[in-house]
Protein backbone atom coordinates (compact mmCIF):
# COMPACT_ATOMS: atom_id res chain seq x y z
CA LYS A 1 4.85 12.89 12.92
CA PHE A 2 7.50 13.81 14.78
CA PRO A 3 7.12 15.93 17.61
CA ASN A 4 8.80 18.14 15.65
CA GLY A 5 6.51 18.30 12.99
CA ILE A 6 8.18 16.39 10.36
CA SER A 7 6.27 13.67 8.74
CA TYR A 8 7.49 10.39 7.70
CA VAL A 9 6.28 8.15 5.00
CA GLU A 10 7.73 5.15 3.21
CA GLY A 11 6.68 4.06 -0.65
CA HIS A 12 4.78 0.84 -1.17
CA HIS A 13 4.83 -1.00 -4.36
CA VAL A 14 1.04 -2.22 -3.95
CA LYS A 15 1.71 -5.25 -6.27
CA PRO A 16 5.41 -6.00 -4.96
CA LEU A 17 8.11 -6.17 -7.39
CA GLY A 18 9.79 -9.22 -8.29
CA LYS A 19 8.45 -12.76 -7.90
CA HIS A 20 4.78 -10.89 -8.09
CA LYS A 21 6.42 -9.17 -11.42
CA GLY A 22 4.62 -5.21 -10.14
CA ARG A 23 5.69 -2.32 -12.29
CA ASP A 24 7.38 0.21 -10.88
CA ILE A 25 5.74 3.23 -11.54
CA GLU A 26 3.68 6.06 -9.46
CA GLN A 27 0.40 4.21 -10.03
CA ASN A 28 1.66 1.10 -8.05
CA ILE A 29 2.88 3.03 -5.10
CA LEU A 30 1.46 3.98 -2.02
CA CYS A 31 2.94 6.42 0.55
CA LEU A 32 2.12 4.83 3.97
CA CYS A 33 3.71 5.13 7.65
CA ALA A 34 5.94 2.86 8.90
CA TYR A 35 3.01 0.59 10.41
CA HIS A 36 0.69 0.26 7.32
CA HIS A 37 3.84 -0.44 5.17
CA ALA A 38 4.43 -3.38 7.04
CA ALA A 39 0.74 -3.89 7.65
CA CYS A 40 0.90 -4.72 3.51
CA ASP A 41 3.72 -6.37 3.01
CA TYR A 42 2.61 -9.16 5.68
CA GLY A 43 -0.94 -8.92 3.89
CA ALA A 44 -2.69 -7.49 7.30
CA MET A 45 -4.32 -4.96 5.85
CA ARG A 46 -6.94 -4.91 3.03
CA LEU A 47 -6.92 -2.20 0.67
CA SER A 48 -9.51 0.45 -0.42
CA LEU A 49 -9.38 2.85 -2.92
CA LYS A 50 -12.30 4.57 -1.72
CA ARG A 51 -10.81 4.49 1.75
CA LEU A 52 -7.34 5.77 0.37
CA ARG A 53 -6.51 9.35 0.81
CA LYS A 54 -5.55 10.82 -2.64
CA VAL A 55 -3.60 13.32 -4.21
CA ASP A 56 -5.15 15.10 -7.41
CA ARG A 57 -1.85 14.57 -9.17
CA HIS A 58 -0.98 10.71 -7.97
CA GLN A 59 -3.72 8.51 -8.57
CA ILE A 60 -3.12 5.00 -7.98
CA ALA A 61 -4.68 2.46 -10.69
CA SER A 62 -7.08 -0.12 -9.35
CA GLU A 63 -5.44 -3.48 -11.06
CA PHE A 64 -3.01 -2.74 -8.18
CA ILE A 65 -5.12 -2.58 -5.12
CA ARG A 66 -7.06 -5.86 -6.73
CA TYR A 67 -3.96 -7.76 -7.21
CA HIS A 68 -2.92 -7.20 -3.01
CA ASN A 69 -6.45 -8.17 -2.09
CA GLU A 70 -6.58 -11.39 -4.24
CA ASN A 71 -2.80 -12.14 -3.91
CA ILE A 72 -0.92 -10.74 -0.96
CA TYR A 73 -4.11 -10.00 1.50
CA LYS A 74 -4.71 -13.02 3.98
CA ARG A 75 -8.15 -12.63 5.12
CA ASN A 76 -8.10 -13.41 8.95
CA ALA A 77 -4.42 -13.98 9.24
CA PHE A 78 -3.47 -11.23 11.01
CA PRO A 79 -5.41 -9.12 13.56
CA ILE A 80 -4.88 -5.40 12.66
């Protein structure tokens, strides 16, 4: 949060668009702070459905989490 109490998040495609052929659908998008968005983009962060803060009306598909962990995440590549 900013000092004035406003929150800022960025939409992150868990399975990226473009060469990864991710879909631009709600089940493939996480709301992340800028730091964690970059960490996901660079493969520095493994994702877990159990550890994500959930909102009832927004469900992330496990297939996209699995894709991220198998194809984007680089184990031990970046300390975080």
